[in-house]
Amino acid sequence: MFRLVASRSKSIRPIASCVDSFAARAFSRQSSAVAASSQYQIPTSAFPLHQRQFSSSHDDFSPQKKHNLDGNENESEIIKMIDSHVKANNIMLYMKGSPSQPMCGFSATVVQILKSTGCDFASVNVLDYPDVREGVKKYAQWPTIPQLYVNGEFVGGCDIIKDMHESGELKELLEEVKE
């Protein structure tokens, strides 16, 4: 079934012959009313989808692995770096996001608790550093983030910090750091 269209020269031609020239424009700009009407729709099989081909011209443009904790050399360097952070800062927090903009509810809770105690603390956004994110889990042998370290020792994650804050233990621990 073809619908016939008249051109300026008064000749008649089937609409199917016109589709090739303006198909992309015509169907991308269809109004919702026309698109909803089955009378004007053309099956999508008439216009095959083209997949984008990626050029392999240079290694710089190939997909890269985000982190590389498979090798022992890189892993040991990261563990050393984490160890230096923990030892150099009296209160060290590995979290998702930053203290001014936490990207996780658990990290936000720990930051809020630390701010309420009035202590200064250092932090690392593990979302920016995937190697550190995996390395800190191995360093403390603790699977979750955030992780709080006080005086070079692992204290715990959000639930432990929350419980310590409610019982008053965290305040006592942090007062030792202030002195």
C-alpha atoms as a PDB file:
ATOM      1  CA  MET A   1       0.000   0.000   0.000  1.00  0.00           C
ATOM      2  CA  PHE A   2       1.622   3.244  -1.166  1.00  0.00           C
ATOM      3  CA  ARG A   3       0.388   6.713  -0.511  1.00  0.00           C
ATOM      4  CA  LEU A   4       0.861   8.989  -3.490  1.00  0.00           C
ATOM      5  CA  VAL A   5       2.347  12.483  -3.256  1.00  0.00           C
ATOM      6  CA  ALA A   6       2.083  15.221  -5.914  1.00  0.00           C
ATOM      7  CA  SER A   7       5.211  17.238  -6.685  1.00  0.00           C
ATOM      8  CA  ARG A   8       5.443  20.698  -8.336  1.00  0.00           C
ATOM      9  CA  SER A   9       5.736  19.218 -11.788  1.00  0.00           C
ATOM     10  CA  LYS A  10       2.355  17.601 -11.219  1.00  0.00           C
ATOM     11  CA  SER A  11       3.877  14.172 -11.572  1.00  0.00           C
ATOM     12  CA  ILE A  12       2.922  11.545  -9.045  1.00  0.00           C
ATOM     13  CA  ARG A  13       5.447   9.328  -7.272  1.00  0.00           C
ATOM     14  CA  PRO A  14       5.184   6.880  -4.357  1.00  0.00           C
ATOM     15  CA  ILE A  15       6.180   8.153  -0.911  1.00  0.00           C
ATOM     16  CA  ALA A  16       8.567   5.224  -0.459  1.00  0.00           C
ATOM     17  CA  SER A  17      10.925   6.741  -3.039  1.00  0.00           C
ATOM     18  CA  CYS A  18      11.049  10.020  -1.072  1.00  0.00           C
ATOM     19  CA  VAL A  19      11.866   8.389   2.265  1.00  0.00           C
ATOM     20  CA  ASP A  20      15.543   7.770   1.524  1.00  0.00           C
ATOM     21  CA  SER A  21      16.348  11.453   1.025  1.00  0.00           C
ATOM     22  CA  PHE A  22      14.781  12.899   4.151  1.00  0.00           C
ATOM     23  CA  ALA A  23      14.089   9.950   6.454  1.00  0.00           C
ATOM     24  CA  ALA A  24      16.408  10.990   9.237  1.00  0.00           C
ATOM     25  CA  ARG A  25      15.087  14.572   9.339  1.00  0.00           C
ATOM     26  CA  ALA A  26      11.437  13.715   8.935  1.00  0.00           C
ATOM     27  CA  PHE A  27      11.254  10.992  11.538  1.00  0.00           C
ATOM     28  CA  SER A  28      13.454  12.668  14.111  1.00  0.00           C
ATOM     29  CA  ARG A  29      11.186  15.750  14.054  1.00  0.00           C
ATOM     30  CA  GLN A  30       7.844  13.993  14.159  1.00  0.00           C
ATOM     31  CA  SER A  31       5.378  15.532  16.558  1.00  0.00           C
ATOM     32  CA  SER A  32       4.085  13.328  19.346  1.00  0.00           C
ATOM     33  CA  ALA A  33       0.664  13.256  17.706  1.00  0.00           C
ATOM     34  CA  VAL A  34       2.067  11.961  14.429  1.00  0.00           C
ATOM     35  CA  ALA A  35       4.374   9.530  16.200  1.00  0.00           C
ATOM     36  CA  ALA A  36       1.470   8.143  18.202  1.00  0.00           C
ATOM     37  CA  SER A  37      -0.549   7.521  15.059  1.00  0.00           C
ATOM     38  CA  SER A  38       0.240   4.134  13.544  1.00  0.00           C
ATOM     39  CA  GLN A  39      -0.853   5.453  10.124  1.00  0.00           C
ATOM     40  CA  TYR A  40       2.417   7.443   9.692  1.00  0.00           C
ATOM     41  CA  GLN A  41       4.907   5.117  11.302  1.00  0.00           C
ATOM     42  CA  ILE A  42       7.440   3.228   9.243  1.00  0.00           C
ATOM     43  CA  PRO A  43       8.898   0.011  10.671  1.00  0.00           C
ATOM     44  CA  THR A  44      12.323   0.510  12.252  1.00  0.00           C
ATOM     45  CA  SER A  45      13.659  -2.408  10.247  1.00  0.00           C
ATOM     46  CA  ALA A  46      13.526  -0.111   7.191  1.00  0.00           C
ATOM     47  CA  PHE A  47      16.343   1.944   8.739  1.00  0.00           C
ATOM     48  CA  PRO A  48      19.116  -0.297  10.042  1.00  0.00           C
ATOM     49  CA  LEU A  49      20.977   0.965  13.091  1.00  0.00           C
ATOM     50  CA  HIS A  50      24.652   1.564  12.532  1.00  0.00           C
ATOM     51  CA  GLN A  51      27.040   0.737  15.325  1.00  0.00           C
ATOM     52  CA  ARG A  52      29.903   3.132  15.904  1.00  0.00           C
ATOM     53  CA  GLN A  53      33.221   1.660  14.905  1.00  0.00           C
ATOM     54  CA  PHE A  54      36.172   2.496  17.143  1.00  0.00           C
ATOM     55  CA  SER A  55      39.480   3.155  15.540  1.00  0.00           C
ATOM     56  CA  SER A  56      42.450   1.233  16.803  1.00  0.00           C
ATOM     57  CA  SER A  57      44.851   3.861  15.505  1.00  0.00           C
ATOM     58  CA  HIS A  58      46.697   4.407  18.787  1.00  0.00           C
ATOM     59  CA  ASP A  59      46.844   2.857  22.266  1.00  0.00           C
ATOM     60  CA  ASP A  60      46.028   6.217  23.884  1.00  0.00           C
ATOM     61  CA  PHE A  61      42.489   5.877  22.564  1.00  0.00           C
ATOM     62  CA  SER A  62      41.883   2.306  23.681  1.00  0.00           C
ATOM     63  CA  PRO A  63      39.926   1.573  26.884  1.00  0.00           C
ATOM     64  CA  GLN A  64      42.136   1.679  29.956  1.00  0.00           C
ATOM     65  CA  LYS A  65      41.860  -0.285  33.172  1.00  0.00           C
ATOM     66  CA  LYS A  66      40.917   2.030  36.041  1.00  0.00           C
ATOM     67  CA  HIS A  67      42.949   0.333  38.707  1.00  0.00           C
ATOM     68  CA  ASN A  68      45.701  -2.200  38.780  1.00  0.00           C
ATOM     69  CA  LEU A  69      45.891  -3.987  42.100  1.00  0.00           C
ATOM     70  CA  ASP A  70      46.716  -7.283  40.432  1.00  0.00           C
ATOM     71  CA  GLY A  71      50.454  -6.730  40.618  1.00  0.00           C
ATOM     72  CA  ASN A  72      52.235  -6.946  43.968  1.00  0.00           C
ATOM     73  CA  GLU A  73      54.506  -3.976  43.201  1.00  0.00           C
ATOM     74  CA  ASN A  74      51.691  -1.467  42.696  1.00  0.00           C
ATOM     75  CA  GLU A  75      49.722  -2.870  45.615  1.00  0.00           C
ATOM     76  CA  SER A  76      52.664  -2.562  47.992  1.00  0.00           C
ATOM     77  CA  GLU A  77      53.224   1.056  46.891  1.00  0.00           C
ATOM     78  CA  ILE A  78      49.587   1.876  47.613  1.00  0.00           C
ATOM     79  CA  ILE A  79      49.707   0.164  51.002  1.00  0.00           C
ATOM     80  CA  LYS A  80      52.857   2.173  51.849  1.00  0.00           C
ATOM     81  CA  MET A  81      51.119   5.381  50.796  1.00  0.00           C
ATOM     82  CA  ILE A  82      48.060   4.572  52.925  1.00  0.00           C
ATOM     83  CA  ASP A  83      50.332   3.726  55.845  1.00  0.00           C
ATOM     84  CA  SER A  84      52.104   7.074  55.493  1.00  0.00           C
ATOM     85  CA  HIS A  85      48.723   8.908  55.431  1.00  0.00           C
ATOM     86  CA  VAL A  86      47.529   7.109  58.540  1.00  0.00           C
ATOM     87  CA  LYS A  87      50.758   7.733  60.458  1.00  0.00           C
ATOM     88  CA  ALA A  88      51.179  11.372  59.346  1.00  0.00           C
ATOM     89  CA  ASN A  89      47.634  12.416  60.359  1.00  0.00           C
ATOM     90  CA  ASN A  90      46.306  11.974  63.888  1.00  0.00           C
ATOM     91  CA  ILE A  91      42.770  11.574  62.563  1.00  0.00           C
ATOM     92  CA  MET A  92      42.474  10.154  59.060  1.00  0.00           C
ATOM     93  CA  LEU A  93      39.211   9.371  57.278  1.00  0.00           C
ATOM     94  CA  TYR A  94      38.911   7.440  54.013  1.00  0.00           C
ATOM     95  CA  MET A  95      35.500   8.294  52.644  1.00  0.00           C
ATOM     96  CA  LYS A  96      33.353   8.606  49.530  1.00  0.00           C
ATOM     97  CA  GLY A  97      33.317  12.277  48.611  1.00  0.00           C
ATOM     98  CA  SER A  98      34.775  15.134  50.595  1.00  0.00           C
ATOM     99  CA  PRO A  99      33.850  16.497  54.037  1.00  0.00           C
ATOM    100  CA  SER A 100      32.126  19.442  52.354  1.00  0.00           C
ATOM    101  CA  GLN A 101      30.251  17.181  49.932  1.00  0.00           C
ATOM    102  CA  PRO A 102      29.980  13.535  51.025  1.00  0.00           C
ATOM    103  CA  MET A 103      28.853  11.185  48.251  1.00  0.00           C
ATOM    104  CA  CYS A 104      27.525   8.486  50.574  1.00  0.00           C
ATOM    105  CA  GLY A 105      25.192   8.514  53.549  1.00  0.00           C
ATOM    106  CA  PHE A 106      27.615   6.560  55.717  1.00  0.00           C
ATOM    107  CA  SER A 107      30.461   8.956  54.938  1.00  0.00           C
ATOM    108  CA  ALA A 108      28.149  11.907  55.644  1.00  0.00           C
ATOM    109  CA  THR A 109      27.262  10.428  59.044  1.00  0.00           C
ATOM    110  CA  VAL A 110      30.911   9.972  60.047  1.00  0.00           C
ATOM    111  CA  VAL A 111      31.804  13.502  58.879  1.00  0.00           C
ATOM    112  CA  GLN A 112      28.875  14.938  60.836  1.00  0.00           C
ATOM    113  CA  ILE A 113      29.987  13.089  63.981  1.00  0.00           C
ATOM    114  CA  LEU A 114      33.601  14.237  63.605  1.00  0.00           C
ATOM    115  CA  LYS A 115      32.529  17.836  62.990  1.00  0.00           C
ATOM    116  CA  SER A 116      30.275  17.742  66.056  1.00  0.00           C
ATOM    117  CA  THR A 117      33.282  16.838  68.210  1.00  0.00           C
ATOM    118  CA  GLY A 118      35.184  19.846  66.884  1.00  0.00           C
ATOM    119  CA  CYS A 119      38.293  17.899  65.871  1.00  0.00           C
ATOM    120  CA  ASP A 120      40.397  18.491  62.782  1.00  0.00           C
ATOM    121  CA  PHE A 121      40.790  15.515  60.498  1.00  0.00           C
ATOM    122  CA  ALA A 122      42.336  14.653  57.154  1.00  0.00           C
ATOM    123  CA  SER A 123      40.388  12.792  54.508  1.00  0.00           C
ATOM    124  CA  VAL A 124      40.825  11.071  51.160  1.00  0.00           C
ATOM    125  CA  ASN A 125      38.050  10.752  48.594  1.00  0.00           C
ATOM    126  CA  VAL A 126      38.366   7.119  47.501  1.00  0.00           C
ATOM    127  CA  LEU A 127      36.050   7.728  44.544  1.00  0.00           C
ATOM    128  CA  ASP A 128      38.837   9.764  42.942  1.00  0.00           C
ATOM    129  CA  TYR A 129      41.438   7.038  43.531  1.00  0.00           C
ATOM    130  CA  PRO A 130      40.210   3.501  42.742  1.00  0.00           C
ATOM    131  CA  ASP A 131      43.578   1.997  43.729  1.00  0.00           C
ATOM    132  CA  VAL A 132      43.339   3.602  47.168  1.00  0.00           C
ATOM    133  CA  ARG A 133      39.720   2.470  47.470  1.00  0.00           C
ATOM    134  CA  GLU A 134      40.759  -1.163  47.068  1.00  0.00           C
ATOM    135  CA  GLY A 135      44.034  -0.741  48.957  1.00  0.00           C
ATOM    136  CA  VAL A 136      42.470   0.727  52.089  1.00  0.00           C
ATOM    137  CA  LYS A 137      40.164  -2.290  52.322  1.00  0.00           C
ATOM    138  CA  LYS A 138      43.210  -4.561  52.298  1.00  0.00           C
ATOM    139  CA  TYR A 139      45.184  -2.307  54.640  1.00  0.00           C
ATOM    140  CA  ALA A 140      42.602  -2.510  57.430  1.00  0.00           C
ATOM    141  CA  GLN A 141      41.170  -5.859  56.386  1.00  0.00           C
ATOM    142  CA  TRP A 142      37.804  -4.136  56.526  1.00  0.00           C
ATOM    143  CA  PRO A 143      35.465  -4.416  53.509  1.00  0.00           C
ATOM    144  CA  THR A 144      33.547  -1.136  53.753  1.00  0.00           C
ATOM    145  CA  ILE A 145      34.147   2.587  53.452  1.00  0.00           C
ATOM    146  CA  PRO A 146      34.268   4.995  55.339  1.00  0.00           C
ATOM    147  CA  GLN A 147      37.203   3.991  57.501  1.00  0.00           C
ATOM    148  CA  LEU A 148      38.451   6.095  60.412  1.00  0.00           C
ATOM    149  CA  TYR A 149      41.993   5.924  61.790  1.00  0.00           C
ATOM    150  CA  VAL A 150      43.001   7.634  65.034  1.00  0.00           C
ATOM    151  CA  ASN A 151      46.642   7.830  66.141  1.00  0.00           C
ATOM    152  CA  GLY A 152      47.646   5.389  63.410  1.00  0.00           C
ATOM    153  CA  GLU A 153      45.121   2.716  64.404  1.00  0.00           C
ATOM    154  CA  PHE A 154      41.962   1.617  62.647  1.00  0.00           C
ATOM    155  CA  VAL A 155      38.876   2.541  64.673  1.00  0.00           C
ATOM    156  CA  GLY A 156      36.070   1.343  62.413  1.00  0.00           C
ATOM    157  CA  GLY A 157      33.394   2.186  59.917  1.00  0.00           C
ATOM    158  CA  CYS A 158      30.168   4.126  60.212  1.00  0.00           C
ATOM    159  CA  ASP A 159      28.284   1.806  62.585  1.00  0.00           C
ATOM    160  CA  ILE A 160      31.209   1.505  64.990  1.00  0.00           C
ATOM    161  CA  ILE A 161      31.849   5.269  64.963  1.00  0.00           C
ATOM    162  CA  LYS A 162      28.149   5.926  65.532  1.00  0.00           C
ATOM    163  CA  ASP A 163      28.031   3.516  68.497  1.00  0.00           C
ATOM    164  CA  MET A 164      31.230   4.970  69.977  1.00  0.00           C
ATOM    165  CA  HIS A 165      29.835   8.498  69.617  1.00  0.00           C
ATOM    166  CA  GLU A 166      26.570   7.579  71.344  1.00  0.00           C
ATOM    167  CA  SER A 167      28.397   5.878  74.230  1.00  0.00           C
ATOM    168  CA  GLY A 168      30.952   8.693  74.621  1.00  0.00           C
ATOM    169  CA  GLU A 169      33.968   6.503  73.779  1.00  0.00           C
ATOM    170  CA  LEU A 170      34.738   8.456  70.606  1.00  0.00           C
ATOM    171  CA  LYS A 171      34.889  11.751  72.502  1.00  0.00           C
ATOM    172  CA  GLU A 172      37.413  10.242  74.953  1.00  0.00           C
ATOM    173  CA  LEU A 173      39.497   8.818  72.105  1.00  0.00           C
ATOM    174  CA  LEU A 174      39.548  12.129  70.231  1.00  0.00           C
ATOM    175  CA  GLU A 175      40.421  14.123  73.381  1.00  0.00           C
ATOM    176  CA  GLU A 176      43.627  12.087  73.612  1.00  0.00           C
ATOM    177  CA  VAL A 177      44.525  13.323  70.126  1.00  0.00           C
ATOM    178  CA  LYS A 178      43.865  16.987  71.026  1.00  0.00           C
ATOM    179  CA  GLU A 179      46.305  16.843  73.976  1.00  0.00           C
END
